[in-house]
Protein backbone atom coordinates (compact mmCIF):
# COMPACT_ATOMS: atom_id res chain seq x y z
CA MET A 1 -87.65 3.31 3.76
CA ALA A 2 -87.60 2.60 7.70
CA VAL A 3 -83.66 1.36 8.33
CA SER A 4 -83.13 -1.30 11.06
CA ALA A 5 -80.31 -0.95 13.85
CA ASN A 6 -79.10 -4.35 12.56
CA GLN A 7 -79.02 -3.32 8.89
CA VAL A 8 -76.57 -0.12 9.67
CA LYS A 9 -74.54 -2.10 12.27
CA GLU A 10 -73.94 -4.48 9.43
CA LEU A 11 -72.90 -1.64 6.86
CA ARG A 12 -70.86 0.05 9.69
CA GLU A 13 -68.71 -3.34 10.21
CA LYS A 14 -68.40 -3.74 6.36
CA THR A 15 -67.20 -0.06 5.78
CA GLY A 16 -66.05 1.35 8.81
CA ALA A 17 -68.37 4.68 8.24
CA GLY A 18 -69.87 6.19 10.65
CA MET A 19 -73.49 5.17 12.00
CA MET A 20 -75.29 8.21 10.66
CA ASP A 21 -73.61 8.00 7.39
CA CYS A 22 -74.47 4.38 7.33
CA LYS A 23 -78.32 5.10 7.88
CA LYS A 24 -78.54 8.05 5.43
CA ALA A 25 -76.62 5.70 2.80
CA LEU A 26 -79.00 2.83 3.17
CA GLU A 27 -82.14 5.63 3.40
CA GLU A 28 -80.84 6.66 0.22
CA ALA A 29 -80.19 3.08 -1.15
CA ASN A 30 -83.92 2.01 -0.21
CA GLY A 31 -82.60 -0.67 2.33
CA ASP A 32 -79.99 -1.77 -0.73
CA PHE A 33 -77.20 -3.01 0.78
CA GLU A 34 -74.79 -3.04 -1.96
CA LYS A 35 -76.15 0.25 -3.27
CA ALA A 36 -75.35 1.70 0.14
CA VAL A 37 -71.74 0.26 0.18
CA GLU A 38 -71.50 1.67 -3.28
CA LEU A 39 -72.80 5.16 -2.04
CA LEU A 40 -70.19 5.81 0.81
CA ARG A 41 -67.52 4.64 -1.75
CA LYS A 42 -68.26 7.44 -3.80
CA LYS A 43 -68.28 9.79 -0.72
CA GLY A 44 -64.86 8.89 0.22
CA ALA A 45 -63.89 9.55 -3.32
CA SER A 46 -65.61 12.78 -3.68
CA VAL A 47 -64.42 13.83 0.12
CA ALA A 48 -60.88 12.73 -1.11
CA ALA A 49 -61.00 15.09 -4.36
CA LYS A 50 -62.33 17.99 -2.12
CA ARG A 51 -59.32 17.25 0.43
CA ALA A 52 -56.53 16.96 -2.71
CA GLU A 53 -55.27 20.42 -2.24
CA ARG A 54 -54.89 20.50 1.28
CA THR A 55 -51.18 19.60 3.06
CA ALA A 56 -50.70 16.55 5.22
CA ASN A 57 -47.55 16.78 6.93
CA GLU A 58 -48.69 14.35 9.94
CA GLY A 59 -48.30 10.55 9.59
CA ILE A 60 -46.66 7.88 10.84
CA VAL A 61 -43.56 5.38 9.33
CA LEU A 62 -43.88 1.90 10.06
CA THR A 63 -40.92 -0.48 8.83
CA ARG A 64 -41.50 -4.48 8.70
CA VAL A 65 -38.50 -7.07 8.20
CA PHE A 66 -39.56 -10.67 7.18
CA ASN A 67 -37.92 -13.48 4.90
CA ASN A 68 -35.85 -14.27 7.80
CA GLY A 69 -33.99 -10.97 8.06
CA LYS A 70 -33.15 -11.01 4.27
CA THR A 71 -36.00 -8.49 3.13
CA GLY A 72 -37.15 -5.26 4.78
CA ALA A 73 -39.74 -2.77 4.21
CA ILE A 74 -40.44 1.07 5.32
CA LEU A 75 -43.90 2.85 4.55
CA GLU A 76 -44.80 6.31 5.17
CA VAL A 77 -48.56 7.41 5.23
CA ASN A 78 -49.49 11.02 5.97
CA CYS A 79 -52.83 12.54 7.37
CA GLU A 80 -53.13 16.46 8.11
CA THR A 81 -53.29 16.14 12.27
CA ASP A 82 -51.51 13.98 14.78
CA PHE A 83 -54.47 13.01 16.26
CA VAL A 84 -55.60 11.70 13.33
CA ALA A 85 -52.41 10.09 13.22
CA LYS A 86 -52.84 8.34 16.06
CA SER A 87 -56.18 6.94 15.89
CA ASP A 88 -57.14 3.24 15.24
CA ASP A 89 -58.47 3.79 12.11
CA PHE A 90 -55.33 5.07 10.32
CA VAL A 91 -53.04 3.15 12.47
CA ASN A 92 -54.84 -0.20 11.12
CA PHE A 93 -54.95 1.40 7.68
CA THR A 94 -51.28 1.80 7.67
CA LYS A 95 -50.55 -1.62 8.60
CA PHE A 96 -53.24 -3.03 5.70
CA VAL A 97 -51.15 -0.88 3.28
CA MET A 98 -47.99 -2.46 4.69
CA ASP A 99 -49.34 -5.86 4.38
CA ILE A 100 -49.99 -5.37 0.59
CA VAL A 101 -46.28 -3.78 0.10
CA THR A 102 -44.97 -6.73 1.86
CA ASP A 103 -47.31 -9.56 -0.09
CA ASN A 104 -46.89 -7.86 -3.49
CA LYS A 105 -43.72 -5.97 -3.59
CA PRO A 106 -45.37 -3.13 -5.52
CA VAL A 107 -42.60 -1.23 -7.94
CA ASP A 108 -44.28 2.16 -7.10
CA VAL A 109 -46.90 4.14 -5.13
CA SER A 110 -49.35 4.22 -8.41
CA SER A 111 -49.11 0.41 -8.28
CA LEU A 112 -49.59 -0.32 -4.84
CA LEU A 113 -52.83 1.70 -4.66
CA SER A 114 -54.30 -0.56 -7.50
CA MET A 115 -53.46 -3.89 -5.28
CA SER A 116 -56.09 -5.79 -3.01
CA LYS A 117 -55.81 -7.94 -0.39
CA ASN A 118 -58.87 -10.09 1.20
CA GLY A 119 -61.15 -8.44 -1.77
CA LYS A 120 -60.36 -5.04 -0.82
CA ASN A 121 -58.27 -2.61 -2.62
CA VAL A 122 -56.12 0.23 -1.56
CA ALA A 123 -57.32 3.12 -3.48
CA ASP A 124 -61.06 2.32 -2.42
CA GLU A 125 -59.84 1.92 1.17
CA LEU A 126 -58.06 5.11 0.91
CA ASN A 127 -61.27 6.92 0.00
CA ALA A 128 -63.05 5.40 2.61
CA ILE A 129 -60.99 6.35 5.35
CA ILE A 130 -60.67 9.68 3.99
CA GLY A 131 -64.69 9.91 3.52
CA LYS A 132 -64.66 8.54 7.39
CA ILE A 133 -62.35 10.52 9.13
CA GLY A 134 -62.40 14.09 6.49
CA GLU A 135 -58.80 14.71 6.07
CA LYS A 136 -56.38 14.28 3.20
CA ILE A 137 -54.72 10.74 3.65
CA GLU A 138 -52.08 9.81 1.10
CA VAL A 139 -50.06 7.43 1.06
CA SER A 140 -46.84 8.76 0.53
CA ARG A 141 -43.66 6.59 -0.42
CA PHE A 142 -42.37 2.89 0.73
CA ALA A 143 -39.11 1.30 -0.11
CA ILE A 144 -38.29 -2.48 -0.10
CA ASP A 145 -34.37 -3.85 0.79
CA ASN A 146 -33.41 -7.61 -0.42
CA THR A 147 -30.65 -8.92 1.01
CA VAL A 148 -28.68 -12.40 0.13
CA ASN A 149 -25.68 -12.91 2.28
CA GLY A 150 -26.54 -10.25 4.94
CA GLU A 151 -29.08 -9.18 7.13
CA ILE A 152 -31.74 -6.27 7.60
CA VAL A 153 -32.65 -4.69 10.49
CA ASP A 154 -35.38 -1.96 11.60
CA TYR A 155 -36.12 0.53 13.81
CA VAL A 156 -39.02 3.11 14.42
CA HIS A 157 -38.60 6.08 16.36
CA ALA A 158 -40.98 6.68 19.62
CA GLY A 159 -43.95 8.48 17.81
CA SER A 160 -43.80 6.46 14.80
CA LYS A 161 -42.66 9.63 12.69
CA LEU A 162 -39.16 8.64 11.83
CA GLY A 163 -37.83 4.90 10.46
CA VAL A 164 -34.67 3.18 9.40
CA LEU A 165 -33.57 0.00 7.61
CA ILE A 166 -30.05 -1.13 7.98
CA GLU A 167 -28.81 -3.78 5.51
CA ALA A 168 -25.36 -5.13 6.36
CA GLU A 169 -23.75 -7.81 4.22
CA ASN A 170 -21.70 -10.95 4.30
CA VAL A 171 -23.31 -11.80 8.04
CA PRO A 172 -22.69 -15.15 8.79
CA THR A 173 -25.95 -17.04 9.54
CA ASP A 174 -24.60 -18.27 12.80
CA LYS A 175 -23.74 -14.93 14.03
CA THR A 176 -27.28 -13.22 13.26
CA ASN A 177 -27.87 -13.24 16.72
CA VAL A 178 -24.47 -11.27 17.95
CA PHE A 179 -24.76 -8.85 14.40
CA GLU A 180 -28.17 -7.97 15.29
CA PRO A 181 -28.19 -5.58 18.68
CA ILE A 182 -25.30 -4.37 16.84
CA LEU A 183 -27.26 -3.19 13.59
CA LYS A 184 -30.00 -2.05 15.88
CA ASP A 185 -27.47 0.01 17.51
CA ILE A 186 -26.38 1.86 14.32
CA ALA A 187 -29.99 2.14 13.01
CA MET A 188 -30.88 4.22 16.22
CA GLN A 189 -27.97 6.30 15.36
CA VAL A 190 -28.67 6.81 11.80
CA ALA A 191 -31.98 7.90 13.14
CA ALA A 192 -30.69 10.54 15.77
CA MET A 193 -27.90 11.80 13.19
CA ARG A 194 -28.98 11.26 9.80
CA PRO A 195 -25.58 10.72 8.20
CA LEU A 196 -25.79 11.64 4.45
CA SER A 197 -23.96 8.53 3.40
CA ILE A 198 -21.88 5.75 5.08
CA TYR A 199 -18.77 6.52 4.42
CA ARG A 200 -16.73 9.66 4.74
CA ASP A 201 -15.32 9.69 1.08
CA GLU A 202 -18.63 9.75 -0.31
CA VAL A 203 -19.40 12.61 0.62
CA ASP A 204 -20.44 15.29 -1.75
CA LYS A 205 -17.14 17.75 -1.97
CA THR A 206 -19.08 20.65 -2.86
CA LEU A 207 -21.23 20.34 0.66
CA ILE A 208 -17.93 19.63 2.47
CA GLU A 209 -16.61 22.96 1.06
CA LYS A 210 -19.93 24.91 1.95
CA GLU A 211 -19.96 23.75 5.39
CA VAL A 212 -16.21 24.43 5.84
CA GLU A 213 -17.21 27.94 4.33
CA ILE A 214 -19.84 28.82 7.23
């Protein structure tokens, strides 16, 4: 069956798949739009399964502070190459996942993958982008922090490879503008130095003894 350019364009806009993949899916589905969407989803799942054993060491970290500075979220999504990590498709997918994290506050990655927004399921979107890009992509980890009487500040280092959330307790509501730049500086120091704890006496004594020995 002949497939029109408008059909291919519409399928591409809905799925984000490549032009040729959309054309082939429509031809295989004999012009049935929904069946073509299903075929592309199956292709994404198939590619994901083939890539499962590969290593995904690149990616980006996103942070978001909301609820008037009382809640913060940090998310890491990985891929195989830095080139893909910088692509619009990958960045937009990561932002979509962050929206799910902040809107639904899942308890773990497994529950996160089962959630949806505007009819788009995270696991389905993950398979779709894997099928489109052809690399292993995984939602690796996330964390959500809440404070009642404090303030949360975030910092993402250049390149989006490292992110930090800082929580300060007992910050007066009328002093947040004073504390925020201080907390931002602390967050930058955490990113640079990667301290093991907040206080010196919280450091494991075994580790201290080992460092002294070295």
